[in-house]
Amino acid sequence: MKIKLDENLPSELVFTLAALGHDVQSVFAEGMVGARDVEVWKAAQREERFLITQDMDFSDIRPLDSESHYGVLLLRLHNPTWRALMKRVDWLFHNEEVTSWQNCLVVATDRKVRIRPRS
C-alpha cells in the first residue's frame, strides 16, 4: 500500500509501516511541513497514496475530492500521545484489512474503526 503520513504523526511510523511492506512517504521528509491541507491532499492524490492524519479538516473530503481519491485514515484518539498513536496504528495495520480501505474515509478512535466507502 502506498501511504503518506501527515505532519501531525510520529515520523517513526514511516519505519513501522515500511517494515510491514508498505511504501511510505511523510509530509515532514518531503519538506511540506506547514503546507495547506489542499496541497497535502493534492500531493497524496498525485502520488496515489493513502493519507494518514489527525487533521479534522480531512473528516469531510468532499471539498477536496473531484472524482476519486486513494483514501484517508483519520485518527481520533482521546489522548493522542506519540506512544498512543504508534500503538494504535501498529494495531490497525496488524489486525485490520487496511488494503480494503483504499478509496474510503476511515475514522479510527481508541476502540472503533468506521469505514465510509467513496460514494
PDB file of N, CA and C in Angstrom:
ATOM      1  N   MET A   1       0.849  -1.172   0.000  1.00  0.00           N
ATOM      2  CA  MET A   1       0.000   0.000   0.000  1.00  0.00           C
ATOM      3  C   MET A   1       0.895   1.235   0.000  1.00  0.00           C
ATOM      4  N   LYS A   2       0.556   2.207  -0.800  1.00  0.00           N
ATOM      5  CA  LYS A   2       1.288   3.470  -0.832  1.00  0.00           C
ATOM      6  C   LYS A   2       0.622   4.426   0.160  1.00  0.00           C
ATOM      7  N   ILE A   3       1.417   4.951   1.093  1.00  0.00           N
ATOM      8  CA  ILE A   3       0.901   5.739   2.206  1.00  0.00           C
ATOM      9  C   ILE A   3       1.645   7.067   2.294  1.00  0.00           C
ATOM     10  N   LYS A   4       0.895   8.119   2.668  1.00  0.00           N
ATOM     11  CA  LYS A   4       1.502   9.412   3.010  1.00  0.00           C
ATOM     12  C   LYS A   4       1.097   9.730   4.443  1.00  0.00           C
ATOM     13  N   LEU A   5       2.080  10.037   5.294  1.00  0.00           N
ATOM     14  CA  LEU A   5       1.823  10.426   6.672  1.00  0.00           C
ATOM     15  C   LEU A   5       1.821  11.935   6.786  1.00  0.00           C
ATOM     16  N   ASP A   6       0.799  12.458   7.434  1.00  0.00           N
ATOM     17  CA  ASP A   6       0.711  13.900   7.653  1.00  0.00           C
ATOM     18  C   ASP A   6       1.718  14.312   8.727  1.00  0.00           C
ATOM     19  N   GLU A   7       1.954  15.584   8.850  1.00  0.00           N
ATOM     20  CA  GLU A   7       2.971  16.101   9.768  1.00  0.00           C
ATOM     21  C   GLU A   7       2.599  15.925  11.236  1.00  0.00           C
ATOM     22  N   ASN A   8       1.339  15.633  11.533  1.00  0.00           N
ATOM     23  CA  ASN A   8       0.900  15.527  12.918  1.00  0.00           C
ATOM     24  C   ASN A   8       0.992  14.101  13.466  1.00  0.00           C
ATOM     25  N   LEU A   9       1.800  13.271  12.825  1.00  0.00           N
ATOM     26  CA  LEU A   9       2.018  11.897  13.261  1.00  0.00           C
ATOM     27  C   LEU A   9       3.495  11.661  13.535  1.00  0.00           C
ATOM     28  N   PRO A  10       3.799  10.697  14.408  1.00  0.00           N
ATOM     29  CA  PRO A  10       5.217  10.402  14.686  1.00  0.00           C
ATOM     30  C   PRO A  10       5.943   9.957  13.412  1.00  0.00           C
ATOM     31  N   SER A  11       7.074  10.543  13.155  1.00  0.00           N
ATOM     32  CA  SER A  11       7.834  10.198  11.949  1.00  0.00           C
ATOM     33  C   SER A  11       8.306   8.744  11.990  1.00  0.00           C
ATOM     34  N   GLU A  12       8.390   8.152  13.166  1.00  0.00           N
ATOM     35  CA  GLU A  12       8.796   6.753  13.291  1.00  0.00           C
ATOM     36  C   GLU A  12       7.805   5.802  12.635  1.00  0.00           C
ATOM     37  N   LEU A  13       6.593   6.264  12.397  1.00  0.00           N
ATOM     38  CA  LEU A  13       5.607   5.418  11.715  1.00  0.00           C
ATOM     39  C   LEU A  13       6.061   5.053  10.308  1.00  0.00           C
ATOM     40  N   VAL A  14       6.906   5.876   9.704  1.00  0.00           N
ATOM     41  CA  VAL A  14       7.449   5.543   8.384  1.00  0.00           C
ATOM     42  C   VAL A  14       8.132   4.184   8.460  1.00  0.00           C
ATOM     43  N   PHE A  15       8.968   3.988   9.468  1.00  0.00           N
ATOM     44  CA  PHE A  15       9.724   2.744   9.614  1.00  0.00           C
ATOM     45  C   PHE A  15       8.816   1.576  10.000  1.00  0.00           C
ATOM     46  N   THR A  16       7.858   1.837  10.887  1.00  0.00           N
ATOM     47  CA  THR A  16       6.921   0.799  11.324  1.00  0.00           C
ATOM     48  C   THR A  16       6.130   0.248  10.145  1.00  0.00           C
ATOM     49  N   LEU A  17       5.582   1.157   9.332  1.00  0.00           N
ATOM     50  CA  LEU A  17       4.753   0.738   8.199  1.00  0.00           C
ATOM     51  C   LEU A  17       5.601   0.175   7.059  1.00  0.00           C
ATOM     52  N   ALA A  18       6.781   0.724   6.857  1.00  0.00           N
ATOM     53  CA  ALA A  18       7.670   0.194   5.819  1.00  0.00           C
ATOM     54  C   ALA A  18       8.099  -1.235   6.164  1.00  0.00           C
ATOM     55  N   ALA A  19       8.287  -1.516   7.442  1.00  0.00           N
ATOM     56  CA  ALA A  19       8.665  -2.870   7.863  1.00  0.00           C
ATOM     57  C   ALA A  19       7.557  -3.880   7.568  1.00  0.00           C
ATOM     58  N   LEU A  20       6.333  -3.396   7.425  1.00  0.00           N
ATOM     59  CA  LEU A  20       5.205  -4.259   7.076  1.00  0.00           C
ATOM     60  C   LEU A  20       5.021  -4.372   5.563  1.00  0.00           C
ATOM     61  N   GLY A  21       5.927  -3.740   4.809  1.00  0.00           N
ATOM     62  CA  GLY A  21       5.895  -3.853   3.359  1.00  0.00           C
ATOM     63  C   GLY A  21       5.214  -2.727   2.625  1.00  0.00           C
ATOM     64  N   HIS A  22       4.884  -1.649   3.340  1.00  0.00           N
ATOM     65  CA  HIS A  22       4.212  -0.520   2.703  1.00  0.00           C
ATOM     66  C   HIS A  22       5.227   0.496   2.178  1.00  0.00           C
ATOM     67  N   ASP A  23       4.848   1.213   1.142  1.00  0.00           N
ATOM     68  CA  ASP A  23       5.649   2.286   0.552  1.00  0.00           C
ATOM     69  C   ASP A  23       5.194   3.576   1.223  1.00  0.00           C
ATOM     70  N   VAL A  24       6.003   4.104   2.125  1.00  0.00           N
ATOM     71  CA  VAL A  24       5.576   5.206   2.987  1.00  0.00           C
ATOM     72  C   VAL A  24       6.404   6.459   2.733  1.00  0.00           C
ATOM     73  N   GLN A  25       5.715   7.568   2.577  1.00  0.00           N
ATOM     74  CA  GLN A  25       6.331   8.891   2.493  1.00  0.00           C
ATOM     75  C   GLN A  25       5.706   9.751   3.585  1.00  0.00           C
ATOM     76  N   SER A  26       6.431  10.749   4.041  1.00  0.00           N
ATOM     77  CA  SER A  26       5.869  11.639   5.056  1.00  0.00           C
ATOM     78  C   SER A  26       5.957  13.087   4.596  1.00  0.00           C
ATOM     79  N   VAL A  27       5.007  13.857   5.045  1.00  0.00           N
ATOM     80  CA  VAL A  27       4.986  15.295   4.762  1.00  0.00           C
ATOM     81  C   VAL A  27       6.264  15.922   5.302  1.00  0.00           C
ATOM     82  N   PHE A  28       6.707  15.475   6.462  1.00  0.00           N
ATOM     83  CA  PHE A  28       7.918  16.005   7.076  1.00  0.00           C
ATOM     84  C   PHE A  28       9.143  15.774   6.194  1.00  0.00           C
ATOM     85  N   ALA A  29       9.338  14.543   5.738  1.00  0.00           N
ATOM     86  CA  ALA A  29      10.509  14.202   4.928  1.00  0.00           C
ATOM     87  C   ALA A  29      10.488  14.888   3.567  1.00  0.00           C
ATOM     88  N   GLU A  30       9.301  15.201   3.083  1.00  0.00           N
ATOM     89  CA  GLU A  30       9.165  15.837   1.772  1.00  0.00           C
ATOM     90  C   GLU A  30       9.240  17.356   1.845  1.00  0.00           C
ATOM     91  N   GLY A  31       9.474  17.910   3.033  1.00  0.00           N
ATOM     92  CA  GLY A  31       9.585  19.354   3.184  1.00  0.00           C
ATOM     93  C   GLY A  31       8.256  20.081   3.031  1.00  0.00           C
ATOM     94  N   MET A  32       7.160  19.402   3.350  1.00  0.00           N
ATOM     95  CA  MET A  32       5.833  20.008   3.203  1.00  0.00           C
ATOM     96  C   MET A  32       5.232  20.435   4.543  1.00  0.00           C
ATOM     97  N   VAL A  33       6.028  20.467   5.602  1.00  0.00           N
ATOM     98  CA  VAL A  33       5.519  20.879   6.906  1.00  0.00           C
ATOM     99  C   VAL A  33       4.967  22.287   6.790  1.00  0.00           C
ATOM    100  N   GLY A  34       3.755  22.473   7.283  1.00  0.00           N
ATOM    101  CA  GLY A  34       3.108  23.777   7.214  1.00  0.00           C
ATOM    102  C   GLY A  34       2.334  24.014   5.930  1.00  0.00           C
ATOM    103  N   ALA A  35       2.390  23.064   5.006  1.00  0.00           N
ATOM    104  CA  ALA A  35       1.641  23.212   3.755  1.00  0.00           C
ATOM    105  C   ALA A  35       0.146  23.181   4.039  1.00  0.00           C
ATOM    106  N   ARG A  36      -0.598  23.858   3.215  1.00  0.00           N
ATOM    107  CA  ARG A  36      -2.059  23.859   3.364  1.00  0.00           C
ATOM    108  C   ARG A  36      -2.598  22.455   3.124  1.00  0.00           C
ATOM    109  N   ASP A  37      -3.733  22.179   3.736  1.00  0.00           N
ATOM    110  CA  ASP A  37      -4.348  20.854   3.598  1.00  0.00           C
ATOM    111  C   ASP A  37      -4.560  20.479   2.145  1.00  0.00           C
ATOM    112  N   VAL A  38      -4.999  21.417   1.353  1.00  0.00           N
ATOM    113  CA  VAL A  38      -5.272  21.117  -0.055  1.00  0.00           C
ATOM    114  C   VAL A  38      -4.000  20.700  -0.782  1.00  0.00           C
ATOM    115  N   GLU A  39      -2.868  21.263  -0.404  1.00  0.00           N
ATOM    116  CA  GLU A  39      -1.597  20.891  -1.025  1.00  0.00           C
ATOM    117  C   GLU A  39      -1.170  19.484  -0.602  1.00  0.00           C
ATOM    118  N   VAL A  40      -1.360  19.156   0.671  1.00  0.00           N
ATOM    119  CA  VAL A  40      -1.051  17.805   1.148  1.00  0.00           C
ATOM    120  C   VAL A  40      -1.960  16.808   0.430  1.00  0.00           C
ATOM    121  N   TRP A  41      -3.237  17.150   0.322  1.00  0.00           N
ATOM    122  CA  TRP A  41      -4.204  16.282  -0.359  1.00  0.00           C
ATOM    123  C   TRP A  41      -3.809  16.059  -1.820  1.00  0.00           C
ATOM    124  N   LYS A  42      -3.483  17.138  -2.509  1.00  0.00           N
ATOM    125  CA  LYS A  42      -3.104  17.010  -3.921  1.00  0.00           C
ATOM    126  C   LYS A  42      -1.853  16.162  -4.086  1.00  0.00           C
ATOM    127  N   ALA A  43      -0.890  16.328  -3.197  1.00  0.00           N
ATOM    128  CA  ALA A  43       0.337  15.528  -3.279  1.00  0.00           C
ATOM    129  C   ALA A  43       0.018  14.054  -3.067  1.00  0.00           C
ATOM    130  N   ALA A  44      -0.823  13.750  -2.096  1.00  0.00           N
ATOM    131  CA  ALA A  44      -1.194  12.349  -1.843  1.00  0.00           C
ATOM    132  C   ALA A  44      -1.903  11.759  -3.061  1.00  0.00           C
ATOM    133  N   GLN A  45      -2.787  12.535  -3.676  1.00  0.00           N
ATOM    134  CA  GLN A  45      -3.529  12.025  -4.830  1.00  0.00           C
ATOM    135  C   GLN A  45      -2.621  11.875  -6.047  1.00  0.00           C
ATOM    136  N   ARG A  46      -1.749  12.829  -6.256  1.00  0.00           N
ATOM    137  CA  ARG A  46      -0.817  12.776  -7.385  1.00  0.00           C
ATOM    138  C   ARG A  46       0.080  11.539  -7.281  1.00  0.00           C
ATOM    139  N   GLU A  47       0.459  11.201  -6.052  1.00  0.00           N
ATOM    140  CA  GLU A  47       1.338  10.060  -5.801  1.00  0.00           C
ATOM    141  C   GLU A  47       0.559   8.758  -5.586  1.00  0.00           C
ATOM    142  N   GLU A  48      -0.776   8.844  -5.662  1.00  0.00           N
ATOM    143  CA  GLU A  48      -1.666   7.679  -5.462  1.00  0.00           C
ATOM    144  C   GLU A  48      -1.457   7.054  -4.094  1.00  0.00           C
ATOM    145  N   ARG A  49      -1.413   7.907  -3.058  1.00  0.00           N
ATOM    146  CA  ARG A  49      -1.148   7.457  -1.693  1.00  0.00           C
ATOM    147  C   ARG A  49      -2.365   7.606  -0.788  1.00  0.00           C
ATOM    148  N   PHE A  50      -2.507   6.660   0.115  1.00  0.00           N
ATOM    149  CA  PHE A  50      -3.495   6.667   1.183  1.00  0.00           C
ATOM    150  C   PHE A  50      -2.954   7.600   2.261  1.00  0.00           C
ATOM    151  N   LEU A  51      -3.729   8.596   2.674  1.00  0.00           N
ATOM    152  CA  LEU A  51      -3.282   9.602   3.633  1.00  0.00           C
ATOM    153  C   LEU A  51      -3.664   9.191   5.054  1.00  0.00           C
ATOM    154  N   ILE A  52      -2.714   9.299   5.976  1.00  0.00           N
ATOM    155  CA  ILE A  52      -2.987   9.070   7.392  1.00  0.00           C
ATOM    156  C   ILE A  52      -2.730  10.382   8.118  1.00  0.00           C
ATOM    157  N   THR A  53      -3.715  10.817   8.911  1.00  0.00           N
ATOM    158  CA  THR A  53      -3.659  12.124   9.545  1.00  0.00           C
ATOM    159  C   THR A  53      -4.475  12.149  10.836  1.00  0.00           C
ATOM    160  N   GLN A  54      -4.276  13.198  11.620  1.00  0.00           N
ATOM    161  CA  GLN A  54      -5.146  13.517  12.752  1.00  0.00           C
ATOM    162  C   GLN A  54      -5.950  14.782  12.465  1.00  0.00           C
ATOM    163  N   ASP A  55      -5.730  15.387  11.343  1.00  0.00           N
ATOM    164  CA  ASP A  55      -6.314  16.683  10.999  1.00  0.00           C
ATOM    165  C   ASP A  55      -7.804  16.547  10.679  1.00  0.00           C
ATOM    166  N   MET A  56      -8.646  17.122  11.533  1.00  0.00           N
ATOM    167  CA  MET A  56     -10.100  17.038  11.358  1.00  0.00           C
ATOM    168  C   MET A  56     -10.579  17.682  10.060  1.00  0.00           C
ATOM    169  N   ASP A  57      -9.770  18.528   9.451  1.00  0.00           N
ATOM    170  CA  ASP A  57     -10.167  19.123   8.170  1.00  0.00           C
ATOM    171  C   ASP A  57     -10.366  18.051   7.103  1.00  0.00           C
ATOM    172  N   PHE A  58      -9.764  16.883   7.296  1.00  0.00           N
ATOM    173  CA  PHE A  58      -9.923  15.796   6.333  1.00  0.00           C
ATOM    174  C   PHE A  58     -11.120  14.899   6.655  1.00  0.00           C
ATOM    175  N   SER A  59     -11.899  15.255   7.677  1.00  0.00           N
ATOM    176  CA  SER A  59     -13.076  14.453   8.018  1.00  0.00           C
ATOM    177  C   SER A  59     -14.181  14.608   6.971  1.00  0.00           C
ATOM    178  N   ASP A  60     -14.142  15.688   6.225  1.00  0.00           N
ATOM    179  CA  ASP A  60     -15.076  15.888   5.109  1.00  0.00           C
ATOM    180  C   ASP A  60     -14.228  16.181   3.881  1.00  0.00           C
ATOM    181  N   ILE A  61     -14.013  15.148   3.079  1.00  0.00           N
ATOM    182  CA  ILE A  61     -13.126  15.309   1.930  1.00  0.00           C
ATOM    183  C   ILE A  61     -13.862  15.763   0.678  1.00  0.00           C
ATOM    184  N   ARG A  62     -15.174  15.949   0.778  1.00  0.00           N
ATOM    185  CA  ARG A  62     -15.936  16.358  -0.409  1.00  0.00           C
ATOM    186  C   ARG A  62     -15.393  17.622  -1.068  1.00  0.00           C
ATOM    187  N   PRO A  63     -15.018  18.649  -0.309  1.00  0.00           N
ATOM    188  CA  PRO A  63     -14.475  19.841  -0.989  1.00  0.00           C
ATOM    189  C   PRO A  63     -13.157  19.575  -1.720  1.00  0.00           C
ATOM    190  N   LEU A  64     -12.429  18.555  -1.293  1.00  0.00           N
ATOM    191  CA  LEU A  64     -11.130  18.242  -1.887  1.00  0.00           C
ATOM    192  C   LEU A  64     -11.230  17.209  -2.995  1.00  0.00           C
ATOM    193  N   ASP A  65     -12.328  16.471  -3.022  1.00  0.00           N
ATOM    194  CA  ASP A  65     -12.460  15.289  -3.866  1.00  0.00           C
ATOM    195  C   ASP A  65     -13.229  15.605  -5.135  1.00  0.00           C
ATOM    196  N   SER A  66     -12.548  15.648  -6.244  1.00  0.00           N
ATOM    197  CA  SER A  66     -13.231  15.921  -7.503  1.00  0.00           C
ATOM    198  C   SER A  66     -13.945  14.682  -8.022  1.00  0.00           C
ATOM    199  N   GLU A  67     -13.250  13.599  -8.216  1.00  0.00           N
ATOM    200  CA  GLU A  67     -13.872  12.370  -8.703  1.00  0.00           C
ATOM    201  C   GLU A  67     -13.467  11.146  -7.895  1.00  0.00           C
ATOM    202  N   SER A  68     -12.204  11.013  -7.641  1.00  0.00           N
ATOM    203  CA  SER A  68     -11.753   9.837  -6.904  1.00  0.00           C
ATOM    204  C   SER A  68     -10.617  10.226  -5.980  1.00  0.00           C
ATOM    205  N   HIS A  69     -10.347   9.347  -5.038  1.00  0.00           N
ATOM    206  CA  HIS A  69      -9.231   9.568  -4.130  1.00  0.00           C
ATOM    207  C   HIS A  69      -8.706   8.217  -3.690  1.00  0.00           C
ATOM    208  N   TYR A  70      -7.567   8.231  -3.038  1.00  0.00           N
ATOM    209  CA  TYR A  70      -6.906   6.994  -2.641  1.00  0.00           C
ATOM    210  C   TYR A  70      -7.125   6.644  -1.178  1.00  0.00           C
ATOM    211  N   GLY A  71      -7.944   7.434  -0.484  1.00  0.00           N
ATOM    212  CA  GLY A  71      -8.338   7.111   0.878  1.00  0.00           C
ATOM    213  C   GLY A  71      -7.645   7.925   1.938  1.00  0.00           C
ATOM    214  N   VAL A  72      -8.307   7.951   3.110  1.00  0.00           N
ATOM    215  CA  VAL A  72      -7.818   8.701   4.268  1.00  0.00           C
ATOM    216  C   VAL A  72      -8.106   7.904   5.528  1.00  0.00           C
ATOM    217  N   LEU A  73      -7.120   7.821   6.405  1.00  0.00           N
ATOM    218  CA  LEU A  73      -7.318   7.313   7.756  1.00  0.00           C
ATOM    219  C   LEU A  73      -7.197   8.500   8.685  1.00  0.00           C
ATOM    220  N   LEU A  74      -8.287   8.823   9.365  1.00  0.00           N
ATOM    221  CA  LEU A  74      -8.321   9.920  10.325  1.00  0.00           C
ATOM    222  C   LEU A  74      -8.263   9.315  11.726  1.00  0.00           C
ATOM    223  N   LEU A  75      -7.198   9.595  12.443  1.00  0.00           N
ATOM    224  CA  LEU A  75      -7.016   9.081  13.797  1.00  0.00           C
ATOM    225  C   LEU A  75      -7.592  10.065  14.798  1.00  0.00           C
ATOM    226  N   ARG A  76      -8.515   9.590  15.639  1.00  0.00           N
ATOM    227  CA  ARG A  76      -9.184  10.431  16.628  1.00  0.00           C
ATOM    228  C   ARG A  76      -9.066   9.768  17.993  1.00  0.00           C
ATOM    229  N   LEU A  77      -7.896   9.865  18.579  1.00  0.00           N
ATOM    230  CA  LEU A  77      -7.652   9.246  19.871  1.00  0.00           C
ATOM    231  C   LEU A  77      -7.953  10.221  20.998  1.00  0.00           C
ATOM    232  N   HIS A  78      -8.413   9.685  22.130  1.00  0.00           N
ATOM    233  CA  HIS A  78      -8.747  10.520  23.290  1.00  0.00           C
ATOM    234  C   HIS A  78      -7.517  11.273  23.790  1.00  0.00           C
ATOM    235  N   ASN A  79      -6.396  10.569  23.862  1.00  0.00           N
ATOM    236  CA  ASN A  79      -5.138  11.168  24.307  1.00  0.00           C
ATOM    237  C   ASN A  79      -4.063  10.817  23.277  1.00  0.00           C
ATOM    238  N   PRO A  80      -3.928  11.615  22.218  1.00  0.00           N
ATOM    239  CA  PRO A  80      -3.046  11.246  21.102  1.00  0.00           C
ATOM    240  C   PRO A  80      -1.563  11.516  21.352  1.00  0.00           C
ATOM    241  N   THR A  81      -1.021  10.825  22.337  1.00  0.00           N
ATOM    242  CA  THR A  81       0.418  10.946  22.586  1.00  0.00           C
ATOM    243  C   THR A  81       1.171  10.198  21.485  1.00  0.00           C
ATOM    244  N   TRP A  82       2.466  10.444  21.405  1.00  0.00           N
ATOM    245  CA  TRP A  82       3.308   9.742  20.434  1.00  0.00           C
ATOM    246  C   TRP A  82       3.136   8.241  20.595  1.00  0.00           C
ATOM    247  N   ARG A  83       3.216   7.767  21.815  1.00  0.00           N
ATOM    248  CA  ARG A  83       3.122   6.336  22.105  1.00  0.00           C
ATOM    249  C   ARG A  83       1.751   5.771  21.721  1.00  0.00           C
ATOM    250  N   ALA A  84       0.686   6.495  22.060  1.00  0.00           N
ATOM    251  CA  ALA A  84      -0.678   6.028  21.744  1.00  0.00           C
ATOM    252  C   ALA A  84      -0.900   5.959  20.238  1.00  0.00           C
ATOM    253  N   LEU A  85      -0.401   6.939  19.511  1.00  0.00           N
ATOM    254  CA  LEU A  85      -0.534   6.930  18.054  1.00  0.00           C
ATOM    255  C   LEU A  85       0.229   5.767  17.436  1.00  0.00           C
ATOM    256  N   MET A  86       1.455   5.569  17.890  1.00  0.00           N
ATOM    257  CA  MET A  86       2.258   4.457  17.380  1.00  0.00           C
ATOM    258  C   MET A  86       1.556   3.124  17.640  1.00  0.00           C
ATOM    259  N   LYS A  87       1.073   2.956  18.852  1.00  0.00           N
ATOM    260  CA  LYS A  87       0.425   1.708  19.241  1.00  0.00           C
ATOM    261  C   LYS A  87      -0.852   1.468  18.433  1.00  0.00           C
ATOM    262  N   ARG A  88      -1.668   2.508  18.266  1.00  0.00           N
ATOM    263  CA  ARG A  88      -2.940   2.339  17.551  1.00  0.00           C
ATOM    264  C   ARG A  88      -2.708   2.035  16.070  1.00  0.00           C
ATOM    265  N   VAL A  89      -1.816   2.747  15.425  1.00  0.00           N
ATOM    266  CA  VAL A  89      -1.541   2.490  14.001  1.00  0.00           C
ATOM    267  C   VAL A  89      -0.943   1.099  13.831  1.00  0.00           C
ATOM    268  N   ASP A  90      -0.033   0.734  14.698  1.00  0.00           N
ATOM    269  CA  ASP A  90       0.553  -0.608  14.627  1.00  0.00           C
ATOM    270  C   ASP A  90      -0.545  -1.668  14.766  1.00  0.00           C
ATOM    271  N   TRP A  91      -1.431  -1.505  15.719  1.00  0.00           N
ATOM    272  CA  TRP A  91      -2.514  -2.469  15.916  1.00  0.00           C
ATOM    273  C   TRP A  91      -3.405  -2.537  14.677  1.00  0.00           C
ATOM    274  N   LEU A  92      -3.785  -1.372  14.143  1.00  0.00           N
ATOM    275  CA  LEU A  92      -4.655  -1.338  12.961  1.00  0.00           C
ATOM    276  C   LEU A  92      -4.021  -2.079  11.786  1.00  0.00           C
ATOM    277  N   PHE A  93      -2.748  -1.834  11.539  1.00  0.00           N
ATOM    278  CA  PHE A  93      -2.088  -2.424  10.377  1.00  0.00           C
ATOM    279  C   PHE A  93      -1.749  -3.909  10.580  1.00  0.00           C
ATOM    280  N   HIS A  94      -1.838  -4.379  11.801  1.00  0.00           N
ATOM    281  CA  HIS A  94      -1.653  -5.804  12.059  1.00  0.00           C
ATOM    282  C   HIS A  94      -2.981  -6.564  12.130  1.00  0.00           C
ATOM    283  N   ASN A  95      -4.084  -5.874  12.416  1.00  0.00           N
ATOM    284  CA  ASN A  95      -5.342  -6.561  12.700  1.00  0.00           C
ATOM    285  C   ASN A  95      -6.505  -6.230  11.768  1.00  0.00           C
ATOM    286  N   GLU A  96      -6.389  -5.204  10.977  1.00  0.00           N
ATOM    287  CA  GLU A  96      -7.466  -4.817  10.066  1.00  0.00           C
ATOM    288  C   GLU A  96      -7.043  -5.085   8.623  1.00  0.00           C
ATOM    289  N   GLU A  97      -8.004  -5.199   7.763  1.00  0.00           N
ATOM    290  CA  GLU A  97      -7.747  -5.367   6.321  1.00  0.00           C
ATOM    291  C   GLU A  97      -7.537  -3.980   5.702  1.00  0.00           C
ATOM    292  N   VAL A  98      -6.409  -3.374   6.006  1.00  0.00           N
ATOM    293  CA  VAL A  98      -6.164  -1.991   5.612  1.00  0.00           C
ATOM    294  C   VAL A  98      -6.131  -1.791   4.096  1.00  0.00           C
ATOM    295  N   THR A  99      -5.756  -2.810   3.351  1.00  0.00           N
ATOM    296  CA  THR A  99      -5.733  -2.634   1.895  1.00  0.00           C
ATOM    297  C   THR A  99      -7.130  -2.436   1.335  1.00  0.00           C
ATOM    298  N   SER A 100      -8.155  -2.842   2.063  1.00  0.00           N
ATOM    299  CA  SER A 100      -9.535  -2.614   1.616  1.00  0.00           C
ATOM    300  C   SER A 100      -9.986  -1.184   1.890  1.00  0.00           C
ATOM    301  N   TRP A 101      -9.170  -0.403   2.587  1.00  0.00           N
ATOM    302  CA  TRP A 101      -9.517   0.969   2.930  1.00  0.00           C
ATOM    303  C   TRP A 101      -9.240   1.955   1.803  1.00  0.00           C
ATOM    304  N   GLN A 102      -8.578   1.535   0.761  1.00  0.00           N
ATOM    305  CA  GLN A 102      -8.304   2.478  -0.329  1.00  0.00           C
ATOM    306  C   GLN A 102      -9.621   3.002  -0.869  1.00  0.00           C
ATOM    307  N   ASN A 103      -9.645   4.271  -1.192  1.00  0.00           N
ATOM    308  CA  ASN A 103     -10.825   4.968  -1.695  1.00  0.00           C
ATOM    309  C   ASN A 103     -11.888   5.184  -0.628  1.00  0.00           C
ATOM    310  N   CYS A 104     -11.546   4.999   0.643  1.00  0.00           N
ATOM    311  CA  CYS A 104     -12.507   5.166   1.738  1.00  0.00           C
ATOM    312  C   CYS A 104     -12.032   6.251   2.701  1.00  0.00           C
ATOM    313  N   LEU A 105     -12.991   6.792   3.450  1.00  0.00           N
ATOM    314  CA  LEU A 105     -12.674   7.622   4.605  1.00  0.00           C
ATOM    315  C   LEU A 105     -12.807   6.702   5.810  1.00  0.00           C
ATOM    316  N   VAL A 106     -11.711   6.524   6.538  1.00  0.00           N
ATOM    317  CA  VAL A 106     -11.689   5.634   7.699  1.00  0.00           C
ATOM    318  C   VAL A 106     -11.404   6.489   8.922  1.00  0.00           C
ATOM    319  N   VAL A 107     -12.235   6.346   9.941  1.00  0.00           N
ATOM    320  CA  VAL A 107     -12.022   7.054  11.197  1.00  0.00           C
ATOM    321  C   VAL A 107     -11.760   6.006  12.265  1.00  0.00           C
ATOM    322  N   ALA A 108     -10.597   6.114  12.893  1.00  0.00           N
ATOM    323  CA  ALA A 108     -10.222   5.176  13.953  1.00  0.00           C
ATOM    324  C   ALA A 108     -10.117   5.936  15.263  1.00  0.00           C
ATOM    325  N   THR A 109     -10.903   5.476  16.234  1.00  0.00           N
ATOM    326  CA  THR A 109     -10.815   6.005  17.584  1.00  0.00           C
ATOM    327  C   THR A 109     -10.008   5.013  18.413  1.00  0.00           C
ATOM    328  N   ASP A 110     -10.014   5.198  19.716  1.00  0.00           N
ATOM    329  CA  ASP A 110      -9.288   4.284  20.593  1.00  0.00           C
ATOM    330  C   ASP A 110      -9.828   2.858  20.501  1.00  0.00           C
ATOM    331  N   ARG A 111     -11.123   2.724  20.228  1.00  0.00           N
ATOM    332  CA  ARG A 111     -11.735   1.392  20.257  1.00  0.00           C
ATOM    333  C   ARG A 111     -12.480   1.000  18.994  1.00  0.00           C
ATOM    334  N   LYS A 112     -12.793   1.951  18.148  1.00  0.00           N
ATOM    335  CA  LYS A 112     -13.625   1.658  16.980  1.00  0.00           C
ATOM    336  C   LYS A 112     -12.931   2.051  15.685  1.00  0.00           C
ATOM    337  N   VAL A 113     -13.401   1.426  14.610  1.00  0.00           N
ATOM    338  CA  VAL A 113     -12.980   1.790  13.262  1.00  0.00           C
ATOM    339  C   VAL A 113     -14.249   1.923  12.434  1.00  0.00           C
ATOM    340  N   ARG A 114     -14.451   3.085  11.853  1.00  0.00           N
ATOM    341  CA  ARG A 114     -15.598   3.314  10.964  1.00  0.00           C
ATOM    342  C   ARG A 114     -15.061   3.536   9.558  1.00  0.00           C
ATOM    343  N   ILE A 115     -15.665   2.851   8.623  1.00  0.00           N
ATOM    344  CA  ILE A 115     -15.217   2.930   7.235  1.00  0.00           C
ATOM    345  C   ILE A 115     -16.371   3.456   6.385  1.00  0.00           C
ATOM    346  N   ARG A 116     -16.111   4.551   5.693  1.00  0.00           N
ATOM    347  CA  ARG A 116     -17.105   5.104   4.792  1.00  0.00           C
ATOM    348  C   ARG A 116     -16.545   5.016   3.372  1.00  0.00           C
ATOM    349  N   PRO A 117     -17.096   4.079   2.573  1.00  0.00           N
ATOM    350  CA  PRO A 117     -16.618   3.966   1.190  1.00  0.00           C
ATOM    351  C   PRO A 117     -16.925   5.240   0.403  1.00  0.00           C
ATOM    352  N   ARG A 118     -16.140   5.467  -0.614  1.00  0.00           N
ATOM    353  CA  ARG A 118     -16.387   6.597  -1.505  1.00  0.00           C
ATOM    354  C   ARG A 118     -17.738   6.389  -2.158  1.00  0.00           C
ATOM    355  N   SER A 119     -18.575   7.421  -2.100  1.00  0.00           N
ATOM    356  CA  SER A 119     -19.913   7.301  -2.709  1.00  0.00           C
ATOM    357  C   SER A 119     -19.947   7.858  -4.105  1.00  0.00           C
TER     358      SER A 119
END
